[in-house]
Amino acid sequence: MVNNFAAANLARKEINIARKQSYLKEAQFEFRKQIDNPLFLIGLGIYWGEGDKSNNGRVAVINTDPELLKIIASFFRQCLGILNNNLRIGLFIYEDIDKDVAVSFWSEKLNVPTHQFIKVQVLKSRSKLTKNRSKYGICSLYCSSTELSIKIHEWIRLLSVYSAGIV
């Protein structure tokens, strides 16, 4: 019985390695196709600075800037092919922000229905010393996709090489 589990684990590990290699190869091909697309480059740049880099199969950007997140929403939809119904939003607001107003604001700005807001977390009140208060909270736009997570990380690696003039 133990050997069967070990064999199954080894087989699953080999499948995952092969799948990752396939995603990396696809990413390299897609990078060459998209390199002249300004939205692809801007989206990667934003993701490089603001995106989730944890390799947990989550593709996410967290920010307070609605215009930056609108660009990322377009990048997700147009460059990554993420369907609107697969986008999710997590929202972090402070006690002095009206939850319904914040949800409506982000829903309208990002064109994501309110039923796709997975979590709205209310944080303790901000210090009176805070100069730049976020009027609508901190928005996390995300989807779950191991494939896209692997590809984005590869595209960022390729972009750094390309930008350095090595490619």
Protein backbone atom coordinates (compact mmCIF):
# COMPACT_ATOMS: atom_id res chain seq x y z
CA MET A 1 0.00 0.00 0.00
CA VAL A 2 2.82 2.43 0.87
CA ASN A 3 4.51 1.75 -2.49
CA ASN A 4 1.25 2.55 -4.30
CA PHE A 5 1.06 5.96 -2.57
CA ALA A 6 4.71 6.68 -3.31
CA ALA A 7 4.25 5.69 -6.95
CA ALA A 8 1.10 7.83 -7.25
CA ASN A 9 2.87 10.82 -5.66
CA LEU A 10 5.83 10.43 -7.99
CA ALA A 11 3.55 10.17 -11.03
CA ARG A 12 1.62 13.29 -9.94
CA LYS A 13 4.89 15.16 -9.39
CA GLU A 14 6.10 14.21 -12.87
CA ILE A 15 2.79 15.31 -14.41
CA ASN A 16 3.01 18.66 -12.61
CA ILE A 17 6.60 19.18 -13.78
CA ALA A 18 5.61 18.38 -17.38
CA ARG A 19 2.60 20.71 -17.15
CA LYS A 20 4.76 23.53 -15.80
CA GLN A 21 7.30 23.01 -18.60
CA SER A 22 4.47 23.16 -21.13
CA TYR A 23 3.20 26.43 -19.63
CA LEU A 24 6.72 27.91 -19.72
CA LYS A 25 7.14 26.95 -23.37
CA GLU A 26 3.73 28.46 -24.24
CA ALA A 27 4.65 31.63 -22.31
CA GLN A 28 7.84 32.04 -24.32
CA PHE A 29 5.93 31.73 -27.60
CA GLU A 30 3.16 34.09 -26.40
CA PHE A 31 5.72 36.63 -25.17
CA ARG A 32 7.15 36.94 -28.69
CA LYS A 33 3.63 37.41 -30.08
CA GLN A 34 2.65 40.05 -27.48
CA ILE A 35 5.89 42.03 -27.13
CA ASP A 36 4.60 44.82 -29.39
CA ASN A 37 1.27 45.12 -27.56
CA PRO A 38 1.38 48.20 -25.27
CA LEU A 39 -1.33 46.80 -22.97
CA PHE A 40 0.67 43.59 -22.52
CA LEU A 41 3.81 45.55 -21.59
CA ILE A 42 2.00 47.98 -19.30
CA GLY A 43 0.07 45.14 -17.65
CA LEU A 44 3.26 43.17 -17.05
CA GLY A 45 4.98 46.25 -15.65
CA ILE A 46 2.14 46.90 -13.23
CA TYR A 47 2.00 43.22 -12.27
CA TRP A 48 5.76 43.17 -11.73
CA GLY A 49 5.43 46.05 -9.26
CA GLU A 50 2.05 45.41 -7.68
CA GLY A 51 1.08 41.80 -8.45
CA ASP A 52 1.00 38.64 -6.37
CA LYS A 53 4.30 36.83 -6.74
CA SER A 54 3.67 33.97 -4.33
CA ASN A 55 3.35 31.18 -6.96
CA ASN A 56 0.17 29.91 -5.33
CA GLY A 57 -1.94 29.82 -8.49
CA ARG A 58 -3.48 33.19 -7.82
CA VAL A 59 -3.24 36.04 -10.33
CA ALA A 60 -3.86 39.23 -8.36
CA VAL A 61 -3.09 42.93 -8.18
CA ILE A 62 -3.90 44.95 -5.07
CA ASN A 63 -4.05 48.73 -5.13
CA THR A 64 -6.08 51.82 -4.22
CA ASP A 65 -5.77 53.49 -7.63
CA PRO A 66 -8.89 52.84 -9.73
CA GLU A 67 -7.20 53.85 -12.99
CA LEU A 68 -4.32 51.43 -12.43
CA LEU A 69 -6.79 48.65 -11.62
CA LYS A 70 -8.84 49.48 -14.75
CA ILE A 71 -5.70 48.88 -16.80
CA ILE A 72 -5.08 45.60 -14.98
CA ALA A 73 -8.70 44.56 -15.58
CA SER A 74 -8.17 45.19 -19.30
CA PHE A 75 -4.85 43.29 -19.19
CA PHE A 76 -6.56 40.36 -17.48
CA ARG A 77 -9.41 40.30 -19.99
CA GLN A 78 -7.61 41.13 -23.24
CA CYS A 79 -4.09 39.76 -22.80
CA LEU A 80 -4.71 36.87 -20.42
CA GLY A 81 -8.12 35.92 -21.79
CA ILE A 82 -9.75 35.85 -18.36
CA LEU A 83 -13.52 35.84 -18.68
CA ASN A 84 -15.31 38.51 -16.68
CA ASN A 85 -17.24 35.90 -14.68
CA ASN A 86 -13.91 34.45 -13.46
CA LEU A 87 -12.72 37.75 -11.97
CA ARG A 88 -13.05 38.22 -8.23
CA ILE A 89 -12.63 41.18 -5.93
CA GLY A 90 -11.47 41.33 -2.37
CA LEU A 91 -11.92 44.70 -0.71
CA PHE A 92 -10.33 46.11 2.41
CA ILE A 93 -12.04 49.19 3.79
CA TYR A 94 -11.70 51.22 6.96
CA GLU A 95 -14.54 51.81 9.42
CA ASP A 96 -15.09 55.34 8.09
CA ILE A 97 -15.76 54.09 4.52
CA ASP A 98 -19.31 53.14 3.57
CA LYS A 99 -19.21 49.49 2.45
CA ASP A 100 -22.02 49.78 -0.11
CA VAL A 101 -20.54 52.93 -1.65
CA ALA A 102 -17.10 51.29 -1.92
CA VAL A 103 -18.47 48.09 -3.46
CA SER A 104 -20.56 50.06 -5.97
CA PHE A 105 -17.57 52.25 -6.85
CA TRP A 106 -15.22 49.32 -7.57
CA SER A 107 -17.93 47.33 -9.32
CA GLU A 108 -18.62 50.19 -11.72
CA LYS A 109 -14.96 51.14 -12.24
CA LEU A 110 -13.80 47.59 -12.97
CA ASN A 111 -17.01 46.30 -14.58
CA VAL A 112 -17.21 43.39 -12.14
CA PRO A 113 -20.65 42.51 -10.73
CA THR A 114 -21.06 42.90 -6.99
CA HIS A 115 -21.83 39.19 -6.54
CA GLN A 116 -18.21 38.52 -7.55
CA PHE A 117 -16.93 40.44 -4.52
CA ILE A 118 -15.72 37.54 -2.43
CA LYS A 119 -14.68 39.36 0.68
CA VAL A 120 -15.09 42.84 2.10
CA GLN A 121 -12.96 43.18 5.19
CA VAL A 122 -13.46 46.15 7.49
CA LEU A 123 -10.27 47.35 9.15
CA LYS A 124 -9.91 49.38 12.32
CA SER A 125 -10.03 53.12 11.93
CA ARG A 126 -7.01 54.85 10.45
CA SER A 127 -4.76 57.10 12.41
CA LYS A 128 -5.64 60.80 12.28
CA LEU A 129 -2.07 61.27 11.07
CA THR A 130 -2.73 59.46 7.78
CA LYS A 131 -2.31 62.01 5.00
CA ASN A 132 -3.35 60.01 1.95
CA ARG A 133 -6.61 58.36 2.84
CA SER A 134 -8.09 55.89 0.44
CA LYS A 135 -11.65 57.02 -0.26
CA TYR A 136 -12.86 53.61 -1.50
CA GLY A 137 -10.50 51.19 0.22
CA ILE A 138 -7.88 48.79 -1.06
CA CYS A 139 -9.05 46.62 -3.93
CA SER A 140 -7.67 43.22 -4.87
CA LEU A 141 -8.62 42.13 -8.40
CA TYR A 142 -7.84 38.46 -8.92
CA CYS A 143 -8.60 35.07 -10.37
CA SER A 144 -7.31 31.59 -9.68
CA SER A 145 -5.13 30.09 -12.41
CA THR A 146 -1.92 28.16 -11.91
CA GLU A 147 -1.30 28.30 -15.65
CA LEU A 148 -1.56 32.09 -15.84
CA SER A 149 0.45 32.55 -12.66
CA ILE A 150 3.32 30.50 -14.12
CA LYS A 151 3.08 32.33 -17.45
CA ILE A 152 3.06 35.80 -15.87
CA HIS A 153 6.16 34.99 -13.84
CA GLU A 154 7.88 33.73 -16.99
CA TRP A 155 6.81 36.83 -18.95
CA ILE A 156 8.25 39.06 -16.24
CA ARG A 157 11.51 37.10 -16.38
CA LEU A 158 11.56 37.41 -20.17
CA LEU A 159 10.72 41.12 -19.97
CA SER A 160 13.65 41.74 -17.65
CA VAL A 161 15.98 39.91 -20.05
CA TYR A 162 14.45 41.65 -23.08
CA SER A 163 14.69 45.07 -21.43
CA ALA A 164 18.33 44.49 -20.60
CA GLY A 165 18.94 44.02 -24.33
CA ILE A 166 19.94 40.38 -23.96
CA VAL A 167 17.20 38.94 -26.19
